Protein backbone atom coordinates (compact mmCIF):
# COMPACT_ATOMS: atom_id res chain seq x y z
CA MET A 1 92.51 126.23 129.32
CA ILE A 2 95.33 123.51 130.64
CA ILE A 3 97.36 121.72 127.70
CA ALA A 4 99.61 118.68 128.26
CA VAL A 5 102.36 117.13 126.63
CA THR A 6 102.94 113.86 126.80
CA GLY A 7 106.90 112.44 126.09
CA ALA A 8 108.04 116.36 127.25
CA ASN A 9 111.58 115.36 127.76
CA GLY A 10 111.80 114.14 124.28
CA GLY A 11 113.31 116.49 121.26
CA LEU A 12 109.73 117.59 119.92
CA GLY A 13 108.44 117.58 123.37
CA ARG A 14 111.01 119.84 124.39
CA SER A 15 110.61 121.87 121.30
CA THR A 16 106.26 121.96 121.60
CA ILE A 17 106.79 123.27 125.19
CA ALA A 18 108.78 126.13 124.30
CA ALA A 19 106.66 126.98 121.11
CA LEU A 20 103.56 126.80 123.55
CA LYS A 21 105.26 128.90 126.34
CA ALA A 22 106.10 131.87 123.68
CA CYS A 23 102.19 131.98 122.70
CA ILE A 24 100.63 131.25 126.31
CA PRO A 25 101.02 131.69 130.09
CA SER A 26 103.44 129.08 131.49
CA SER A 27 100.80 128.12 134.15
CA SER A 28 98.68 127.04 131.32
CA ILE A 29 100.95 123.83 130.37
CA LEU A 30 101.56 120.54 132.20
CA ALA A 31 104.34 118.63 130.74
CA LEU A 32 103.96 114.86 131.13
CA VAL A 33 107.12 112.96 131.65
CA ARG A 34 108.49 108.95 132.62
CA SER A 35 111.25 110.69 135.04
CA PRO A 36 110.01 114.31 136.36
CA GLU A 37 113.36 115.00 137.93
CA LYS A 38 114.66 115.17 134.30
CA ALA A 39 111.83 117.58 133.98
CA ALA A 40 112.81 120.75 136.12
CA ASP A 41 114.14 123.13 133.39
CA LEU A 42 111.41 123.09 131.41
CA GLY A 43 109.73 125.95 133.27
CA VAL A 44 106.16 124.63 133.96
CA GLU A 45 104.62 122.22 136.10
CA VAL A 46 105.33 118.86 135.82
CA ARG A 47 103.50 115.19 136.04
CA SER A 48 104.89 111.88 136.48
CA PHE A 49 103.04 110.20 132.96
CA ASP A 50 104.12 106.78 132.07
CA TYR A 51 102.63 105.12 128.87
CA ASP A 52 102.29 101.68 130.22
CA LYS A 53 100.60 102.71 133.41
CA SER A 54 96.55 101.72 133.36
CA PRO A 55 94.57 104.18 131.53
CA GLU A 56 92.77 104.43 135.27
CA GLN A 57 96.51 105.31 136.71
CA LEU A 58 97.13 107.66 133.66
CA ALA A 59 93.67 109.29 134.10
CA GLN A 60 94.80 110.67 137.73
CA SER A 61 97.84 112.69 135.52
CA LEU A 62 95.13 114.06 133.38
CA LYS A 63 93.05 115.97 136.08
CA GLY A 64 91.93 119.63 134.95
CA VAL A 65 93.60 118.82 131.49
CA ASP A 66 91.56 120.29 128.58
CA VAL A 67 93.84 119.77 125.53
CA LEU A 68 96.10 116.78 125.12
CA LEU A 69 98.97 116.67 122.53
CA LEU A 70 99.63 112.65 122.65
CA ILE A 71 103.16 112.47 120.82
CA SER A 72 103.84 108.95 119.86
CA SER A 73 105.80 106.74 122.04
CA ALA A 74 109.42 105.57 121.36
CA ASP A 75 109.07 102.03 122.29
CA LEU A 76 108.31 100.37 118.65
CA GLY A 77 105.95 97.12 118.65
CA LYS A 78 104.28 98.61 122.04
CA ARG A 79 102.81 101.94 120.67
CA GLY A 80 99.54 100.80 119.88
CA GLU A 81 98.61 99.18 123.39
CA GLN A 82 100.28 102.82 125.02
CA HIS A 83 98.58 105.20 123.06
CA GLY A 84 95.38 103.26 123.47
CA ASN A 85 96.02 103.88 127.44
CA VAL A 86 96.22 107.02 127.06
CA ILE A 87 93.25 107.68 124.72
CA LYS A 88 91.52 105.83 127.53
CA ALA A 89 92.76 108.21 130.02
CA ALA A 90 92.37 111.05 128.72
CA LYS A 91 88.19 110.37 127.92
CA ILE A 92 88.04 109.19 131.74
CA ALA A 93 89.27 112.51 132.98
CA GLY A 94 87.13 114.25 130.77
CA VAL A 95 89.52 115.64 127.95
CA LYS A 96 88.04 117.92 125.84
CA ARG A 97 90.40 117.41 122.62
CA ILE A 98 93.18 114.88 121.75
CA VAL A 99 96.09 115.50 119.36
CA TYR A 100 98.07 113.05 117.76
CA THR A 101 101.67 112.80 116.61
CA SER A 102 100.86 110.04 113.68
CA ILE A 103 103.62 109.99 110.40
CA VAL A 104 102.78 111.50 107.10
CA ASN A 105 100.77 109.11 104.88
CA ALA A 106 99.87 107.03 107.57
CA ASP A 107 96.92 105.17 105.30
CA THR A 108 98.75 104.30 103.09
CA SER A 109 102.49 104.12 103.89
CA LEU A 110 105.01 101.85 103.75
CA LEU A 111 106.88 101.92 106.58
CA SER A 112 106.71 99.97 109.42
CA LEU A 113 106.72 102.38 111.89
CA ALA A 114 102.92 103.16 110.01
CA GLU A 115 100.85 99.91 111.35
CA GLU A 116 100.91 101.73 115.17
CA HIS A 117 99.95 104.97 113.57
CA ARG A 118 97.07 103.98 111.59
CA GLU A 119 95.75 102.01 114.55
CA THR A 120 96.04 104.48 117.03
CA GLU A 121 94.49 106.98 114.46
CA SER A 122 91.49 104.18 114.44
CA ALA A 123 91.49 104.12 117.74
CA LEU A 124 91.16 107.59 117.98
CA ARG A 125 88.09 107.82 115.81
CA GLU A 126 86.16 105.08 117.82
CA ALA A 127 87.46 106.92 121.35
CA GLY A 128 84.26 109.63 121.06
CA VAL A 129 86.44 112.46 122.19
CA PRO A 130 87.13 115.42 119.70
CA PHE A 131 91.09 114.73 117.81
CA THR A 132 93.17 116.45 115.57
CA ILE A 133 95.91 114.45 113.81
CA LEU A 134 99.20 115.75 112.98
CA ARG A 135 100.73 113.41 110.40
CA ASN A 136 104.98 114.19 110.92
CA GLY A 137 106.99 114.02 108.19
CA TRP A 138 110.46 113.03 108.08
CA TYR A 139 112.50 115.29 110.76
CA ALA A 140 115.32 117.27 108.45
CA GLU A 141 117.42 116.30 111.23
CA ASN A 142 117.65 112.57 110.27
CA PRO A 143 119.78 112.14 107.57
CA LEU A 144 122.38 114.03 109.81
CA HIS A 145 122.97 111.71 112.36
CA GLY A 146 126.22 109.76 111.99
CA LEU A 147 127.82 112.79 110.55
CA GLU A 148 130.58 111.74 111.40
CA GLY A 149 130.71 108.74 109.37
CA VAL A 150 129.80 110.79 106.79
CA ARG A 151 132.71 112.70 107.02
CA ALA A 152 135.01 109.96 107.56
CA SER A 153 133.95 108.10 104.60
CA GLY A 154 133.53 110.26 102.62
CA LYS A 155 130.39 109.77 101.14
CA LEU A 156 126.62 109.63 102.59
CA ILE A 157 125.14 106.26 102.58
CA ARG A 158 121.69 104.91 102.27
CA SER A 159 118.93 103.05 100.88
CA ALA A 160 115.95 105.46 99.73
CA GLY A 161 117.24 105.57 95.85
CA ASN A 162 115.81 108.66 94.11
CA GLY A 163 112.62 108.69 96.69
CA LYS A 164 111.80 112.01 97.27
CA ILE A 165 111.03 113.23 101.56
CA SER A 166 109.37 115.95 102.45
CA PHE A 167 111.46 116.96 105.12
CA ALA A 168 110.35 119.33 108.03
CA THR A 169 112.44 120.47 111.06
CA ARG A 170 111.14 119.46 114.35
CA ASP A 171 111.13 123.04 115.63
CA ASP A 172 108.66 123.72 112.69
CA LEU A 173 106.79 120.70 113.46
CA ALA A 174 106.78 121.57 117.30
CA GLU A 175 105.48 125.24 116.87
CA ALA A 176 102.65 123.71 114.35
CA ALA A 177 101.54 121.24 117.06
CA ALA A 178 101.57 124.82 119.39
CA ILE A 179 99.40 126.38 117.03
CA VAL A 180 96.78 123.35 116.93
CA LEU A 181 96.88 122.94 120.32
CA THR A 182 96.39 126.97 121.31
CA GLY A 183 93.84 127.54 118.18
CA THR A 184 90.45 126.97 116.99
CA GLY A 185 88.79 125.46 114.17
CA HIS A 186 91.23 121.80 114.56
CA GLU A 187 88.78 118.95 115.53
CA GLY A 188 88.44 116.37 112.95
CA LYS A 189 91.26 117.34 111.21
CA VAL A 190 94.06 115.57 109.63
CA TYR A 191 97.23 117.54 108.98
CA GLU A 192 100.11 115.91 106.40
CA LEU A 193 102.93 117.96 107.58
CA GLY A 194 105.85 118.29 105.37
CA GLY A 195 108.59 120.71 103.88
CA ASP A 196 107.75 123.13 101.13
CA THR A 197 110.78 121.55 98.77
CA PRO A 198 111.24 117.97 99.20
CA TYR A 199 114.82 116.22 98.91
CA THR A 200 116.31 113.40 97.83
CA MET A 201 119.37 111.83 99.54
CA ALA A 202 121.58 112.54 96.77
CA ASP A 203 119.66 116.29 97.24
CA CYS A 204 121.29 116.28 100.61
CA ALA A 205 124.61 114.62 99.80
CA ALA A 206 125.15 117.78 97.21
CA GLU A 207 124.29 120.03 100.31
CA LEU A 208 126.68 118.16 102.31
CA SER A 209 129.54 118.70 99.94
CA LYS A 210 128.78 122.13 99.42
CA HIS A 211 129.12 123.08 103.32
CA PHE A 212 132.09 120.31 103.50
CA GLY A 213 134.07 121.78 100.95
CA ARG A 214 134.61 118.51 98.74
CA ASP A 215 132.61 115.72 96.96
CA ILE A 216 130.23 113.66 99.50
CA PRO A 217 128.31 111.72 96.83
CA TYR A 218 125.38 109.40 97.65
CA ALA A 219 126.10 105.78 97.81
CA ASP A 220 122.72 103.83 97.68
CA LEU A 221 122.98 100.43 98.59
CA PRO A 222 120.74 97.49 98.60
CA VAL A 223 119.07 97.27 102.14
CA GLU A 224 120.73 94.23 103.54
CA GLN A 225 124.10 95.69 102.87
CA TYR A 226 123.00 99.23 104.54
CA ALA A 227 121.44 97.08 107.32
CA GLY A 228 124.90 95.47 107.93
CA ILE A 229 126.93 98.52 107.73
CA LEU A 230 124.64 99.75 110.47
CA ALA A 231 124.85 96.94 112.51
CA GLY A 232 128.84 96.70 112.02
CA VAL A 233 128.94 100.60 114.14
CA GLY A 234 127.17 99.01 116.74
CA MET A 235 123.27 99.52 116.19
CA PRO A 236 121.27 96.42 117.39
CA ALA A 237 120.36 94.08 114.00
CA PRO A 238 116.74 94.09 114.39
CA PHE A 239 116.60 98.06 114.45
CA ALA A 240 119.38 98.34 111.65
CA GLN A 241 117.13 96.02 109.74
CA ALA A 242 114.12 98.41 110.22
CA VAL A 243 116.21 101.83 109.38
CA ALA A 244 116.90 100.17 106.56
CA SER A 245 113.67 99.25 105.66
CA TRP A 246 112.26 102.56 106.24
CA ASP A 247 114.67 104.30 103.91
CA ALA A 248 113.43 101.16 101.01
CA ALA A 249 109.86 102.22 101.58
CA ALA A 250 111.20 106.01 100.85
CA SER A 251 112.37 104.69 98.11
CA LYS A 252 108.80 103.91 96.89
CA GLY A 253 107.71 107.74 97.80
CA SER A 254 105.53 106.55 101.51
CA LEU A 255 107.58 109.65 103.08
CA PHE A 256 106.76 112.15 100.07
CA HIS A 257 103.76 114.48 100.32
CA ASP A 258 102.91 117.19 98.02
CA GLY A 259 100.40 119.37 100.31
CA ASN A 260 101.40 122.76 102.02
CA ASP A 261 99.67 122.24 105.44
CA LEU A 262 102.46 122.44 107.63
CA ARG A 263 103.04 126.21 105.76
CA THR A 264 99.60 127.23 105.62
CA LEU A 265 99.58 126.53 109.97
CA LEU A 266 102.71 128.61 110.15
CA GLY A 267 101.98 131.42 107.74
CA ARG A 268 105.22 131.36 106.55
CA PRO A 269 107.61 129.19 104.87
CA THR A 270 108.66 126.20 106.27
CA VAL A 271 112.60 125.68 106.81
CA PRO A 272 114.59 123.72 104.40
CA ILE A 273 117.10 120.80 104.85
CA SER A 274 119.57 122.73 103.55
CA ALA A 275 119.09 125.11 106.64
CA VAL A 276 120.16 122.51 109.13
CA ILE A 277 122.92 121.15 107.02
CA ALA A 278 124.22 124.98 106.96
CA GLN A 279 124.03 124.88 110.91
CA VAL A 280 125.16 121.41 111.65
CA ALA A 281 127.85 120.94 108.92
CA LYS A 282 130.09 123.69 109.79
């Protein structure tokens, strides 16, 4: 059986390749990447794969693939069409199952990100190829972006209010993906993958305070003000507005899921964000 991973040069892709190598031979793993020269260190077969190519072109790279992990594209606004190309290509190539990385609560989420995931999930259901949907929770690593700014300002700035977030580490999500890709009985399943213990941004600030050895309060700002701060440090204004809006959606519960799918798949407790903060905030 050949398992292929799209976007294999990205953070989740690389972690998933590593998780797969721990349980199946490297000869059974195929990395699909836009720039093959950047994937030489993965230790598996690599093929060129560009989401923007036609389904017929992409199908050539999927020859011999049994199970495909479709990691969602990073091209916001283009993902619906790109994912559609991949799904059509998989059908042409005779792929036996597609596993797709969606977002937690995709069917009800207020995040702007969720719309393209809903579109892709719908395309999967209509394609006629057996599928599994992994609705991945917010990465536990996300609140640690801009950590130097937190150190400098002495506070954690966001717009997530008191919203609980079911953070999950990238490695936990990658391990779960590997389990689903190599296992049986997952056809037609939709897994909501969040960590065991939800955290608010105030909880994250408390953890940062513990490891910085000084008080790091959480400063909850209006969306426009937070977006302005992000733009002020170099983030493109449209993306800054989007990031701030995701926080606003989180404040209303869009990134919280009170389930145990991730823990069940892993067969162990999930890694809490406190452990991630402890490692990064040394």
